[in-house]
Amino acid sequence: MAGMDVPETVSEAVALLERDGYTAEFVLTDGVARCGVCHHEHSVGELIIERVYRFEGDSDPADEAIVIGVRCAECGSRGVVVSAFGPDADPELVHLVRQPRPRMED
């Protein structure tokens, strides 16, 4: 995985986040993300987004994906959300990801 600070694939982005402590499971369903540690259900707008990696398919818009490093506002655990980005994306998630965010310190 050359250039780990700038991942070239979804799997490299997930591995980079996991290496940096984003290990909790978050499941995103119908605009709700459930923390695998405390089981709190967050609306997409409640997630604390710390890192975002977006990938575009070479020729097929259906290949667009986004990998997001999130933190649970309830228990502080950090994890990864992977979602489609583009025509198949959750509109709430896309809106949230496109909002300006302050830079997070590790």
Protein backbone atom coordinates (compact mmCIF):
# COMPACT_ATOMS: atom_id res chain seq x y z
CA MET A 1 0.00 0.00 0.00
CA ALA A 2 2.31 2.70 -1.24
CA GLY A 3 1.39 6.23 -0.23
CA MET A 4 -0.79 5.18 2.71
CA ASP A 5 -1.50 8.82 3.58
CA VAL A 6 -3.31 9.15 0.24
CA PRO A 7 -5.11 5.85 -0.34
CA GLU A 8 -5.83 4.88 -3.92
CA THR A 9 -8.55 2.32 -3.23
CA VAL A 10 -11.47 1.84 -0.84
CA SER A 11 -9.68 -1.05 0.86
CA GLU A 12 -6.53 1.07 1.38
CA ALA A 13 -8.65 3.86 2.92
CA VAL A 14 -10.33 1.40 5.30
CA ALA A 15 -6.94 -0.09 6.25
CA LEU A 16 -5.49 3.40 6.89
CA LEU A 17 -8.41 4.35 9.14
CA GLU A 18 -8.26 1.05 11.02
CA ARG A 19 -4.52 1.54 11.55
CA ASP A 20 -5.33 4.95 13.04
CA GLY A 21 -7.84 3.51 15.52
CA TYR A 22 -11.11 3.61 13.59
CA THR A 23 -12.08 0.08 14.55
CA ALA A 24 -15.70 0.26 15.77
CA GLU A 25 -18.37 -1.01 13.43
CA PHE A 26 -20.93 1.53 12.24
CA VAL A 27 -23.85 0.31 10.16
CA LEU A 28 -25.61 2.88 7.97
CA THR A 29 -29.22 2.09 7.07
CA ASP A 30 -31.87 4.53 5.82
CA GLY A 31 -30.07 7.62 7.12
CA VAL A 32 -29.36 6.10 10.55
CA ALA A 33 -25.91 4.99 11.71
CA ARG A 34 -25.72 2.53 14.58
CA CYS A 35 -22.57 2.42 16.71
CA GLY A 36 -21.34 -1.13 17.22
CA VAL A 37 -19.88 -0.27 20.64
CA CYS A 38 -22.68 1.52 22.52
CA HIS A 39 -25.47 0.65 20.03
CA HIS A 40 -26.61 4.28 19.93
CA GLU A 41 -28.48 5.13 16.75
CA HIS A 42 -27.41 8.42 15.20
CA SER A 43 -29.12 10.34 12.46
CA VAL A 44 -26.54 10.97 9.75
CA GLY A 45 -26.32 14.60 10.93
CA GLU A 46 -25.26 13.52 14.43
CA LEU A 47 -22.17 11.62 13.30
CA ILE A 48 -18.89 13.38 13.90
CA ILE A 49 -17.00 13.14 10.64
CA GLU A 50 -13.25 13.26 11.08
CA ARG A 51 -11.91 12.01 7.72
CA VAL A 52 -13.32 11.57 4.24
CA TYR A 53 -11.93 9.70 1.23
CA ARG A 54 -13.87 9.78 -2.04
CA PHE A 55 -13.26 7.43 -4.95
CA GLU A 56 -14.56 7.81 -8.49
CA GLY A 57 -15.02 4.94 -10.89
CA ASP A 58 -12.95 5.18 -14.07
CA SER A 59 -15.89 4.74 -16.41
CA ASP A 60 -18.99 3.86 -14.38
CA PRO A 61 -20.62 6.36 -11.99
CA ALA A 62 -22.00 3.37 -10.06
CA ASP A 63 -18.40 2.66 -8.97
CA GLU A 64 -18.20 5.87 -6.94
CA ALA A 65 -17.68 5.30 -3.22
CA ILE A 66 -16.90 7.25 -0.09
CA VAL A 67 -15.03 6.08 3.01
CA ILE A 68 -15.67 8.14 6.13
CA GLY A 69 -13.86 8.07 9.47
CA VAL A 70 -16.54 8.84 12.08
CA ARG A 71 -16.72 9.24 15.83
CA CYS A 72 -19.72 8.35 17.98
CA ALA A 73 -21.00 11.44 19.79
CA GLU A 74 -22.39 9.20 22.53
CA CYS A 75 -19.40 7.03 23.53
CA GLY A 76 -16.48 8.47 21.53
CA SER A 77 -15.65 5.27 19.67
CA ARG A 78 -14.30 5.71 16.15
CA GLY A 79 -15.15 3.65 13.13
CA VAL A 80 -15.60 3.56 9.38
CA VAL A 81 -18.66 4.07 7.20
CA VAL A 82 -18.42 3.03 3.56
CA SER A 83 -21.16 4.16 1.21
CA ALA A 84 -21.97 4.67 -2.42
CA PHE A 85 -21.29 8.17 -3.68
CA GLY A 86 -23.02 9.48 -6.76
CA PRO A 87 -26.38 8.35 -8.11
CA ASP A 88 -26.78 5.58 -5.49
CA ALA A 89 -25.70 7.66 -2.49
CA ASP A 90 -27.79 8.42 0.58
CA PRO A 91 -28.73 12.11 0.01
CA GLU A 92 -28.42 12.96 3.72
CA LEU A 93 -24.93 11.50 3.87
CA VAL A 94 -23.82 13.35 0.74
CA HIS A 95 -25.15 16.63 2.13
CA LEU A 96 -23.35 16.08 5.44
CA VAL A 97 -20.06 15.14 3.80
CA ARG A 98 -20.15 18.23 1.57
CA GLN A 99 -20.54 20.61 4.55
CA PRO A 100 -17.39 22.46 5.57
CA ARG A 101 -15.83 20.99 8.71
CA PRO A 102 -13.19 22.33 11.06
CA ARG A 103 -9.90 20.46 10.87
CA MET A 104 -9.73 17.73 13.48
CA GLU A 105 -6.61 17.18 15.52
CA ASP A 106 -5.55 13.55 16.11
